[in-house]
Amino acid sequence: MRCLAYLIWQRVGSFNPAIGIPNGGLRLAWALNS
C-alpha cells in the first residue's frame, strides 16, 4: 500500500485528503494521506 501510494503520488502530485471506499480502499486512502 505504501509503495502504491508513493507511485500514485508521483503520478498525480499533491491533492486534498483521499477518501477510501471500504474495504481495501480505506487502507489505500490512509497510505495516500500518510
All heavy atoms as atom14 arrays in JSON, in Angstrom:
{
  "sequence": "MRCLAYLIWQRVGSFNPAIGIPNGGLRLAWALNS",
  "atom14_mask": [
    [1, 1, 1, 1, 1, 1, 1, 1, 0, 0, 0, 0, 0, 0],
    [1, 1, 1, 1, 1, 1, 1, 1, 1, 1, 1, 0, 0, 0],
    [1, 1, 1, 1, 1, 1, 0, 0, 0, 0, 0, 0, 0, 0],
    [1, 1, 1, 1, 1, 1, 1, 1, 0, 0, 0, 0, 0, 0],
    [1, 1, 1, 1, 1, 0, 0, 0, 0, 0, 0, 0, 0, 0],
    [1, 1, 1, 1, 1, 1, 1, 1, 1, 1, 1, 1, 0, 0],
    [1, 1, 1, 1, 1, 1, 1, 1, 0, 0, 0, 0, 0, 0],
    [1, 1, 1, 1, 1, 1, 1, 1, 0, 0, 0, 0, 0, 0],
    [1, 1, 1, 1, 1, 1, 1, 1, 1, 1, 1, 1, 1, 1],
    [1, 1, 1, 1, 1, 1, 1, 1, 1, 0, 0, 0, 0, 0],
    [1, 1, 1, 1, 1, 1, 1, 1, 1, 1, 1, 0, 0, 0],
    [1, 1, 1, 1, 1, 1, 1, 0, 0, 0, 0, 0, 0, 0],
    [1, 1, 1, 1, 0, 0, 0, 0, 0, 0, 0, 0, 0, 0],
    [1, 1, 1, 1, 1, 1, 0, 0, 0, 0, 0, 0, 0, 0],
    [1, 1, 1, 1, 1, 1, 1, 1, 1, 1, 1, 0, 0, 0],
    [1, 1, 1, 1, 1, 1, 1, 1, 0, 0, 0, 0, 0, 0],
    [1, 1, 1, 1, 1, 1, 1, 0, 0, 0, 0, 0, 0, 0],
    [1, 1, 1, 1, 1, 0, 0, 0, 0, 0, 0, 0, 0, 0],
    [1, 1, 1, 1, 1, 1, 1, 1, 0, 0, 0, 0, 0, 0],
    [1, 1, 1, 1, 0, 0, 0, 0, 0, 0, 0, 0, 0, 0],
    [1, 1, 1, 1, 1, 1, 1, 1, 0, 0, 0, 0, 0, 0],
    [1, 1, 1, 1, 1, 1, 1, 0, 0, 0, 0, 0, 0, 0],
    [1, 1, 1, 1, 1, 1, 1, 1, 0, 0, 0, 0, 0, 0],
    [1, 1, 1, 1, 0, 0, 0, 0, 0, 0, 0, 0, 0, 0],
    [1, 1, 1, 1, 0, 0, 0, 0, 0, 0, 0, 0, 0, 0],
    [1, 1, 1, 1, 1, 1, 1, 1, 0, 0, 0, 0, 0, 0],
    [1, 1, 1, 1, 1, 1, 1, 1, 1, 1, 1, 0, 0, 0],
    [1, 1, 1, 1, 1, 1, 1, 1, 0, 0, 0, 0, 0, 0],
    [1, 1, 1, 1, 1, 0, 0, 0, 0, 0, 0, 0, 0, 0],
    [1, 1, 1, 1, 1, 1, 1, 1, 1, 1, 1, 1, 1, 1],
    [1, 1, 1, 1, 1, 0, 0, 0, 0, 0, 0, 0, 0, 0],
    [1, 1, 1, 1, 1, 1, 1, 1, 0, 0, 0, 0, 0, 0],
    [1, 1, 1, 1, 1, 1, 1, 1, 0, 0, 0, 0, 0, 0],
    [1, 1, 1, 1, 1, 1, 0, 0, 0, 0, 0, 0, 0, 0]
  ],
  "atom14_positions": [
    [[0.84, -1.22, 0.0], [0.0, 0.0, 0.0], [0.86, 1.25, 0.0], [0.58, 2.2, -0.72], [-0.92, 0.02, 1.22], [-2.05, -0.93, 1.13], [-3.18, -0.41, -0.19], [-4.54, -1.45, 0.2], [0.0, 0.0, 0.0], [0.0, 0.0, 0.0], [0.0, 0.0, 0.0], [0.0, 0.0, 0.0], [0.0, 0.0, 0.0], [0.0, 0.0, 0.0]],
    [[1.92, 1.25, 0.82], [2.81, 2.42, 0.86], [3.47, 2.63, -0.49], [3.59, 3.76, -0.97], [3.85, 2.26, 1.97], [3.28, 2.49, 3.35], [4.37, 2.57, 4.42], [5.04, 1.3, 4.62], [4.61, 0.35, 5.42], [3.5, 0.52, 6.11], [5.29, -0.76, 5.56], [0.0, 0.0, 0.0], [0.0, 0.0, 0.0], [0.0, 0.0, 0.0]],
    [[3.88, 1.54, -1.14], [4.51, 1.64, -2.46], [3.5, 2.15, -3.49], [3.81, 3.04, -4.28], [5.07, 0.28, -2.87], [5.9, 0.32, -4.47], [0.0, 0.0, 0.0], [0.0, 0.0, 0.0], [0.0, 0.0, 0.0], [0.0, 0.0, 0.0], [0.0, 0.0, 0.0], [0.0, 0.0, 0.0], [0.0, 0.0, 0.0], [0.0, 0.0, 0.0]],
    [[2.29, 1.61, -3.48], [1.26, 2.04, -4.42], [0.92, 3.52, -4.2], [0.79, 4.29, -5.15], [0.02, 1.17, -4.25], [-1.11, 1.35, -5.25], [-0.62, 1.16, -6.68], [-2.23, 0.37, -4.94], [0.0, 0.0, 0.0], [0.0, 0.0, 0.0], [0.0, 0.0, 0.0], [0.0, 0.0, 0.0], [0.0, 0.0, 0.0], [0.0, 0.0, 0.0]],
    [[0.82, 3.93, -2.94], [0.53, 5.34, -2.62], [1.66, 6.24, -3.15], [1.4, 7.3, -3.71], [0.36, 5.53, -1.12], [0.0, 0.0, 0.0], [0.0, 0.0, 0.0], [0.0, 0.0, 0.0], [0.0, 0.0, 0.0], [0.0, 0.0, 0.0], [0.0, 0.0, 0.0], [0.0, 0.0, 0.0], [0.0, 0.0, 0.0], [0.0, 0.0, 0.0]],
    [[2.89, 5.79, -2.97], [4.03, 6.56, -3.48], [3.96, 6.7, -5.0], [4.16, 7.8, -5.53], [5.34, 5.88, -3.07], [6.55, 6.53, -3.67], [7.07, 7.7, -3.13], [7.18, 5.99, -4.79], [8.17, 8.32, -3.68], [8.28, 6.59, -5.36], [8.78, 7.75, -4.8], [9.86, 8.37, -5.36], [0.0, 0.0, 0.0], [0.0, 0.0, 0.0]],
    [[3.66, 5.61, -5.69], [3.57, 5.66, -7.16], [2.44, 6.58, -7.61], [2.6, 7.35, -8.57], [3.37, 4.25, -7.72], [4.55, 3.3, -7.53], [4.16, 1.88, -7.92], [5.76, 3.77, -8.31], [0.0, 0.0, 0.0], [0.0, 0.0, 0.0], [0.0, 0.0, 0.0], [0.0, 0.0, 0.0], [0.0, 0.0, 0.0], [0.0, 0.0, 0.0]],
    [[1.3, 6.53, -6.92], [0.18, 7.41, -7.25], [0.57, 8.86, -6.99], [0.32, 9.75, -7.82], [-1.08, 7.02, -6.46], [-1.6, 5.66, -6.94], [-2.16, 8.1, -6.57], [-2.67, 5.06, -6.05], [0.0, 0.0, 0.0], [0.0, 0.0, 0.0], [0.0, 0.0, 0.0], [0.0, 0.0, 0.0], [0.0, 0.0, 0.0], [0.0, 0.0, 0.0]],
    [[1.2, 9.12, -5.85], [1.62, 10.48, -5.51], [2.6, 11.02, -6.54], [2.52, 12.18, -6.94], [2.24, 10.49, -4.11], [2.62, 11.86, -3.67], [1.8, 12.8, -3.12], [3.91, 12.45, -3.75], [2.51, 13.95, -2.85], [3.81, 13.75, -3.23], [5.14, 12.02, -4.22], [4.9, 14.61, -3.17], [6.22, 12.88, -4.15], [6.1, 14.15, -3.64]],
    [[3.53, 10.18, -7.01], [4.49, 10.59, -8.04], [3.78, 10.96, -9.33], [4.18, 11.88, -10.03], [5.5, 9.46, -8.32], [6.49, 9.25, -7.22], [7.48, 10.39, -7.12], [8.03, 10.84, -8.13], [7.7, 10.86, -5.92], [0.0, 0.0, 0.0], [0.0, 0.0, 0.0], [0.0, 0.0, 0.0], [0.0, 0.0, 0.0], [0.0, 0.0, 0.0]],
    [[2.73, 10.25, -9.66], [2.0, 10.47, -10.92], [1.04, 11.65, -10.83], [0.92, 12.44, -11.75], [1.22, 9.19, -11.24], [0.44, 9.22, -12.48], [1.24, 8.64, -13.56], [0.37, 8.38, -14.71], [0.83, 8.12, -15.87], [2.12, 8.02, -16.04], [0.04, 7.93, -16.86], [0.0, 0.0, 0.0], [0.0, 0.0, 0.0], [0.0, 0.0, 0.0]],
    [[0.35, 11.78, -9.69], [-0.71, 12.78, -9.54], [-0.19, 14.06, -8.88], [-0.66, 15.15, -9.2], [-1.88, 12.19, -8.72], [-2.95, 13.23, -8.44], [-2.46, 10.99, -9.42], [0.0, 0.0, 0.0], [0.0, 0.0, 0.0], [0.0, 0.0, 0.0], [0.0, 0.0, 0.0], [0.0, 0.0, 0.0], [0.0, 0.0, 0.0], [0.0, 0.0, 0.0]],
    [[0.74, 13.94, -7.95], [1.21, 15.1, -7.21], [0.35, 15.32, -5.99], [-0.32, 14.42, -5.5], [0.0, 0.0, 0.0], [0.0, 0.0, 0.0], [0.0, 0.0, 0.0], [0.0, 0.0, 0.0], [0.0, 0.0, 0.0], [0.0, 0.0, 0.0], [0.0, 0.0, 0.0], [0.0, 0.0, 0.0], [0.0, 0.0, 0.0], [0.0, 0.0, 0.0]],
    [[0.33, 16.53, -5.49], [-0.42, 16.8, -4.27], [-1.92, 16.86, -4.55], [-2.35, 17.16, -5.65], [0.05, 18.11, -3.65], [-0.21, 19.18, -4.52], [0.0, 0.0, 0.0], [0.0, 0.0, 0.0], [0.0, 0.0, 0.0], [0.0, 0.0, 0.0], [0.0, 0.0, 0.0], [0.0, 0.0, 0.0], [0.0, 0.0, 0.0], [0.0, 0.0, 0.0]],
    [[-2.69, 16.56, -3.52], [-4.14, 16.57, -3.62], [-4.71, 16.7, -2.22], [-4.0, 16.55, -1.23], [-4.67, 15.3, -4.3], [-4.11, 14.03, -3.73], [-4.68, 13.43, -2.62], [-2.99, 13.45, -4.29], [-4.14, 12.28, -2.08], [-2.46, 12.3, -3.76], [-3.03, 11.71, -2.65], [0.0, 0.0, 0.0], [0.0, 0.0, 0.0], [0.0, 0.0, 0.0]],
    [[-5.99, 17.0, -2.14], [-6.66, 17.06, -0.84], [-6.72, 15.66, -0.26], [-6.47, 14.69, -0.95], [-8.07, 17.65, -0.99], [-8.02, 19.14, -1.26], [-7.13, 19.83, -0.78], [-8.96, 19.64, -2.03], [0.0, 0.0, 0.0], [0.0, 0.0, 0.0], [0.0, 0.0, 0.0], [0.0, 0.0, 0.0], [0.0, 0.0, 0.0], [0.0, 0.0, 0.0]],
    [[-7.1, 15.51, 0.98], [-7.14, 14.16, 1.56], [-7.95, 13.18, 0.7], [-9.0, 13.51, 0.17], [-7.83, 14.37, 2.9], [-7.53, 15.79, 3.26], [-7.52, 16.53, 1.93], [0.0, 0.0, 0.0], [0.0, 0.0, 0.0], [0.0, 0.0, 0.0], [0.0, 0.0, 0.0], [0.0, 0.0, 0.0], [0.0, 0.0, 0.0], [0.0, 0.0, 0.0]],
    [[-7.39, 11.97, 0.57], [-8.06, 10.9, -0.16], [-9.13, 10.29, 0.73], [-8.96, 10.18, 1.94], [-7.05, 9.84, -0.57], [0.0, 0.0, 0.0], [0.0, 0.0, 0.0], [0.0, 0.0, 0.0], [0.0, 0.0, 0.0], [0.0, 0.0, 0.0], [0.0, 0.0, 0.0], [0.0, 0.0, 0.0], [0.0, 0.0, 0.0], [0.0, 0.0, 0.0]],
    [[-10.22, 9.9, 0.14], [-11.31, 9.23, 0.85], [-11.47, 7.86, 0.22], [-11.66, 7.75, -0.99], [-12.63, 10.02, 0.75], [-12.44, 11.39, 1.38], [-13.77, 9.26, 1.4], [-13.58, 12.34, 1.16], [0.0, 0.0, 0.0], [0.0, 0.0, 0.0], [0.0, 0.0, 0.0], [0.0, 0.0, 0.0], [0.0, 0.0, 0.0], [0.0, 0.0, 0.0]],
    [[-11.37, 6.82, 1.03], [-11.4, 5.46, 0.51], [-12.78, 4.83, 0.55], [-13.63, 5.23, 1.34], [0.0, 0.0, 0.0], [0.0, 0.0, 0.0], [0.0, 0.0, 0.0], [0.0, 0.0, 0.0], [0.0, 0.0, 0.0], [0.0, 0.0, 0.0], [0.0, 0.0, 0.0], [0.0, 0.0, 0.0], [0.0, 0.0, 0.0], [0.0, 0.0, 0.0]],
    [[-12.97, 3.87, -0.3], [-14.18, 3.05, -0.32], [-13.83, 1.76, 0.42], [-12.81, 1.14, 0.13], [-14.59, 2.72, -1.78], [-14.81, 3.99, -2.59], [-15.79, 1.82, -1.81], [-16.0, 4.8, -2.19], [0.0, 0.0, 0.0], [0.0, 0.0, 0.0], [0.0, 0.0, 0.0], [0.0, 0.0, 0.0], [0.0, 0.0, 0.0], [0.0, 0.0, 0.0]],
    [[-14.66, 1.31, 1.37], [-14.34, 0.06, 2.09], [-14.22, -1.08, 1.08], [-14.91, -1.07, 0.08], [-15.55, -0.15, 3.0], [-16.14, 1.21, 3.16], [-15.88, 1.93, 1.87], [0.0, 0.0, 0.0], [0.0, 0.0, 0.0], [0.0, 0.0, 0.0], [0.0, 0.0, 0.0], [0.0, 0.0, 0.0], [0.0, 0.0, 0.0], [0.0, 0.0, 0.0]],
    [[-13.39, -1.97, 1.29], [-12.53, -2.26, 2.42], [-11.1, -1.85, 2.11], [-10.51, -1.07, 2.83], [-12.56, -3.74, 2.79], [-13.89, -4.15, 3.39], [-14.5, -3.39, 4.13], [-14.34, -5.32, 3.06], [0.0, 0.0, 0.0], [0.0, 0.0, 0.0], [0.0, 0.0, 0.0], [0.0, 0.0, 0.0], [0.0, 0.0, 0.0], [0.0, 0.0, 0.0]],
    [[-10.52, -2.39, 1.06], [-9.14, -2.08, 0.72], [-8.91, -0.61, 0.39], [-7.83, -0.09, 0.61], [0.0, 0.0, 0.0], [0.0, 0.0, 0.0], [0.0, 0.0, 0.0], [0.0, 0.0, 0.0], [0.0, 0.0, 0.0], [0.0, 0.0, 0.0], [0.0, 0.0, 0.0], [0.0, 0.0, 0.0], [0.0, 0.0, 0.0], [0.0, 0.0, 0.0]],
    [[-9.91, 0.04, -0.11], [-9.78, 1.45, -0.46], [-9.52, 2.34, 0.74], [-8.89, 3.38, 0.63], [0.0, 0.0, 0.0], [0.0, 0.0, 0.0], [0.0, 0.0, 0.0], [0.0, 0.0, 0.0], [0.0, 0.0, 0.0], [0.0, 0.0, 0.0], [0.0, 0.0, 0.0], [0.0, 0.0, 0.0], [0.0, 0.0, 0.0], [0.0, 0.0, 0.0]],
    [[-9.99, 1.94, 1.91], [-9.73, 2.7, 3.13], [-8.24, 2.65, 3.47], [-7.65, 3.66, 3.87], [-10.56, 2.16, 4.3], [-12.06, 2.33, 4.16], [-12.78, 1.65, 5.33], [-12.43, 3.8, 4.1], [0.0, 0.0, 0.0], [0.0, 0.0, 0.0], [0.0, 0.0, 0.0], [0.0, 0.0, 0.0], [0.0, 0.0, 0.0], [0.0, 0.0, 0.0]],
    [[-7.64, 1.48, 3.29], [-6.21, 1.34, 3.54], [-5.39, 2.15, 2.55], [-4.39, 2.77, 2.91], [-5.81, -0.13, 3.49], [-6.36, -0.93, 4.65], [-6.03, -2.41, 4.55], [-4.61, -2.62, 4.45], [-4.04, -3.46, 3.58], [-4.77, -4.18, 2.76], [-2.73, -3.61, 3.55], [0.0, 0.0, 0.0], [0.0, 0.0, 0.0], [0.0, 0.0, 0.0]],
    [[-5.83, 2.17, 1.29], [-5.11, 2.96, 0.28], [-5.24, 4.44, 0.6], [-4.27, 5.18, 0.49], [-5.62, 2.65, -1.12], [-4.95, 3.41, -2.26], [-3.44, 3.22, -2.26], [-5.55, 3.03, -3.6], [0.0, 0.0, 0.0], [0.0, 0.0, 0.0], [0.0, 0.0, 0.0], [0.0, 0.0, 0.0], [0.0, 0.0, 0.0], [0.0, 0.0, 0.0]],
    [[-6.42, 4.9, 0.99], [-6.62, 6.3, 1.35], [-5.7, 6.67, 2.52], [-5.09, 7.74, 2.52], [-8.08, 6.56, 1.71], [0.0, 0.0, 0.0], [0.0, 0.0, 0.0], [0.0, 0.0, 0.0], [0.0, 0.0, 0.0], [0.0, 0.0, 0.0], [0.0, 0.0, 0.0], [0.0, 0.0, 0.0], [0.0, 0.0, 0.0], [0.0, 0.0, 0.0]],
    [[-5.6, 5.79, 3.52], [-4.72, 6.05, 4.66], [-3.28, 6.19, 4.18], [-2.58, 7.12, 4.59], [-4.84, 4.92, 5.68], [-3.9, 5.1, 6.82], [-4.1, 5.84, 7.93], [-2.58, 4.56, 6.92], [-2.98, 5.79, 8.73], [-2.04, 5.01, 8.14], [-1.8, 3.75, 6.1], [-0.75, 4.68, 8.54], [-0.52, 3.41, 6.52], [-0.01, 3.87, 7.73]],
    [[-2.84, 5.28, 3.3], [-1.48, 5.33, 2.79], [-1.25, 6.6, 1.97], [-0.2, 7.23, 2.09], [-1.17, 4.09, 1.95], [0.0, 0.0, 0.0], [0.0, 0.0, 0.0], [0.0, 0.0, 0.0], [0.0, 0.0, 0.0], [0.0, 0.0, 0.0], [0.0, 0.0, 0.0], [0.0, 0.0, 0.0], [0.0, 0.0, 0.0], [0.0, 0.0, 0.0]],
    [[-2.23, 6.99, 1.16], [-2.09, 8.22, 0.37], [-2.01, 9.44, 1.26], [-1.21, 10.35, 1.02], [-3.28, 8.36, -0.59], [-3.25, 7.47, -1.81], [-4.62, 7.46, -2.48], [-2.18, 7.9, -2.8], [0.0, 0.0, 0.0], [0.0, 0.0, 0.0], [0.0, 0.0, 0.0], [0.0, 0.0, 0.0], [0.0, 0.0, 0.0], [0.0, 0.0, 0.0]],
    [[-2.82, 9.48, 2.3], [-2.82, 10.63, 3.2], [-1.6, 10.67, 4.1], [-1.27, 11.72, 4.66], [-4.1, 10.65, 4.03], [-5.31, 10.92, 3.17], [-5.25, 11.61, 2.17], [-6.43, 10.33, 3.54], [0.0, 0.0, 0.0], [0.0, 0.0, 0.0], [0.0, 0.0, 0.0], [0.0, 0.0, 0.0], [0.0, 0.0, 0.0], [0.0, 0.0, 0.0]],
    [[-0.9, 9.55, 4.21], [0.32, 9.48, 5.03], [1.57, 9.74, 4.21], [2.65, 9.86, 4.77], [0.43, 8.1, 5.67], [-0.67, 7.88, 6.54], [0.0, 0.0, 0.0], [0.0, 0.0, 0.0], [0.0, 0.0, 0.0], [0.0, 0.0, 0.0], [0.0, 0.0, 0.0], [0.0, 0.0, 0.0], [0.0, 0.0, 0.0], [0.0, 0.0, 0.0]]
  ]
}
